[in-house]
């Protein structure tokens, strides 16, 4: 069964860092760009970052560019999101995805003031 499973969420102080991980399994994702999305309470899901499976191309939302870094480890079938200089407005459920078909269950990130 195809699965994307996120981990690494938690509570962190503003200005702190957190690294999210995503393990992909069940099929080859070589034809997909992998991405991170997030959804805050009462808001629509928004794009955060994407990376080709080869890691040769990345793109970030303006709100996180310069603070977040997406990366992959093909040997481990994993995708990561390193989040630095976190702000309270980064608080959301973060989802790993191979859009548009495959989505993880999400992991909560809460940034305190």
Protein backbone atom coordinates (compact mmCIF):
# COMPACT_ATOMS: atom_id res chain seq x y z
CA UNK A 1 0.00 0.00 0.00
CA UNK A 2 1.27 3.46 -0.87
CA UNK A 3 2.19 5.45 2.21
CA UNK A 4 3.78 8.77 3.08
CA UNK A 5 4.45 9.00 6.81
CA UNK A 6 5.59 12.24 8.46
CA UNK A 7 7.36 12.59 11.78
CA UNK A 8 9.28 15.18 13.76
CA UNK A 9 6.56 17.64 14.64
CA UNK A 10 6.26 19.14 18.08
CA UNK A 11 6.33 22.27 20.19
CA UNK A 12 9.17 24.73 19.71
CA UNK A 13 9.93 28.26 20.86
CA UNK A 14 9.91 31.11 18.35
CA UNK A 15 13.33 31.41 16.77
CA UNK A 16 14.00 27.72 17.23
CA UNK A 17 14.44 24.91 14.74
CA UNK A 18 12.74 21.65 13.89
CA UNK A 19 13.31 18.97 11.26
CA UNK A 20 10.42 17.06 9.73
CA UNK A 21 10.90 13.69 8.05
CA UNK A 22 8.77 11.80 5.54
CA UNK A 23 9.17 8.14 4.61
CA UNK A 24 7.73 7.13 1.23
CA UNK A 25 6.81 3.53 0.47
CA UNK A 26 4.59 1.32 -1.67
CA UNK A 27 5.64 2.46 -5.12
CA UNK A 28 8.28 4.33 -7.06
CA UNK A 29 8.03 8.10 -6.74
CA UNK A 30 10.63 8.77 -9.40
CA UNK A 31 8.05 10.45 -11.63
CA UNK A 32 6.86 12.80 -8.87
CA UNK A 33 8.04 16.01 -7.35
CA UNK A 34 7.81 15.69 -3.56
CA UNK A 35 6.44 18.54 -1.51
CA UNK A 36 5.53 19.86 1.91
CA UNK A 37 2.24 21.63 2.56
CA UNK A 38 0.78 23.01 5.76
CA UNK A 39 -2.63 23.88 7.12
CA UNK A 40 -3.31 26.17 10.06
CA UNK A 41 -6.63 26.11 11.95
CA UNK A 42 -9.34 27.85 9.94
CA UNK A 43 -7.14 28.25 6.89
CA UNK A 44 -6.74 26.47 3.57
CA UNK A 45 -3.85 24.12 2.98
CA UNK A 46 -0.90 26.02 1.54
CA UNK A 47 2.22 25.08 -0.34
CA UNK A 48 5.50 25.25 1.57
CA UNK A 49 8.26 23.64 -0.50
CA UNK A 50 8.90 21.11 -3.26
CA UNK A 51 11.79 19.04 -4.56
CA UNK A 52 12.29 16.70 -7.48
CA UNK A 53 12.97 13.14 -6.33
CA UNK A 54 16.45 13.48 -7.77
CA UNK A 55 16.95 16.58 -5.65
CA UNK A 56 17.95 18.60 -8.66
CA UNK A 57 15.28 21.27 -8.32
CA UNK A 58 13.72 22.98 -5.30
CA UNK A 59 11.20 25.76 -4.81
CA UNK A 60 9.83 27.53 -1.73
CA UNK A 61 6.88 29.64 -0.76
CA UNK A 62 7.87 33.26 -0.18
CA UNK A 63 6.87 32.97 3.48
CA UNK A 64 9.50 30.32 4.22
CA UNK A 65 12.24 30.99 1.67
CA UNK A 66 15.55 31.49 3.44
CA UNK A 67 14.34 29.80 6.62
CA UNK A 68 13.25 26.33 5.48
CA UNK A 69 15.21 23.77 3.46
CA UNK A 70 13.72 20.76 1.69
CA UNK A 71 15.98 17.81 0.95
CA UNK A 72 15.80 14.12 0.08
CA UNK A 73 17.69 10.90 0.67
CA UNK A 74 16.85 8.55 -2.17
CA UNK A 75 18.62 5.55 -0.63
CA UNK A 76 16.31 5.81 2.39
CA UNK A 77 13.21 6.89 0.43
CA UNK A 78 12.95 9.96 2.63
CA UNK A 79 12.17 13.64 2.28
CA UNK A 80 13.02 16.22 4.93
CA UNK A 81 12.05 19.74 5.85
CA UNK A 82 14.55 21.63 7.98
CA UNK A 83 12.79 24.58 9.59
CA UNK A 84 14.88 27.35 11.13
CA UNK A 85 14.00 30.72 12.66
CA UNK A 86 10.49 29.49 13.34
CA UNK A 87 7.70 32.00 13.87
CA UNK A 88 4.31 31.60 15.58
CA UNK A 89 2.67 31.95 12.17
CA UNK A 90 4.43 28.74 11.12
CA UNK A 91 2.14 26.85 13.47
CA UNK A 92 0.19 24.31 11.41
CA UNK A 93 -0.22 20.67 10.53
CA UNK A 94 2.51 19.85 8.03
CA UNK A 95 1.88 17.33 5.26
CA UNK A 96 4.30 15.42 3.06
CA UNK A 97 2.94 14.89 -0.44
CA UNK A 98 3.54 13.64 -3.95
CA UNK A 99 0.92 15.93 -5.51
CA UNK A 100 -1.72 15.50 -6.56
CA UNK A 101 -2.28 11.85 -5.75
CA UNK A 102 -0.48 10.98 -2.52
CA UNK A 103 -0.56 12.65 0.89
CA UNK A 104 0.67 11.84 4.34
CA UNK A 105 -1.38 12.04 7.52
CA UNK A 106 0.28 15.20 8.77
CA UNK A 107 2.36 16.14 11.79
CA UNK A 108 1.61 19.05 14.12
CA UNK A 109 4.11 21.89 14.47
CA UNK A 110 3.41 24.47 17.17
CA UNK A 111 5.61 27.53 17.60
CA UNK A 112 5.20 29.42 20.85
CA UNK A 113 5.85 33.12 21.39
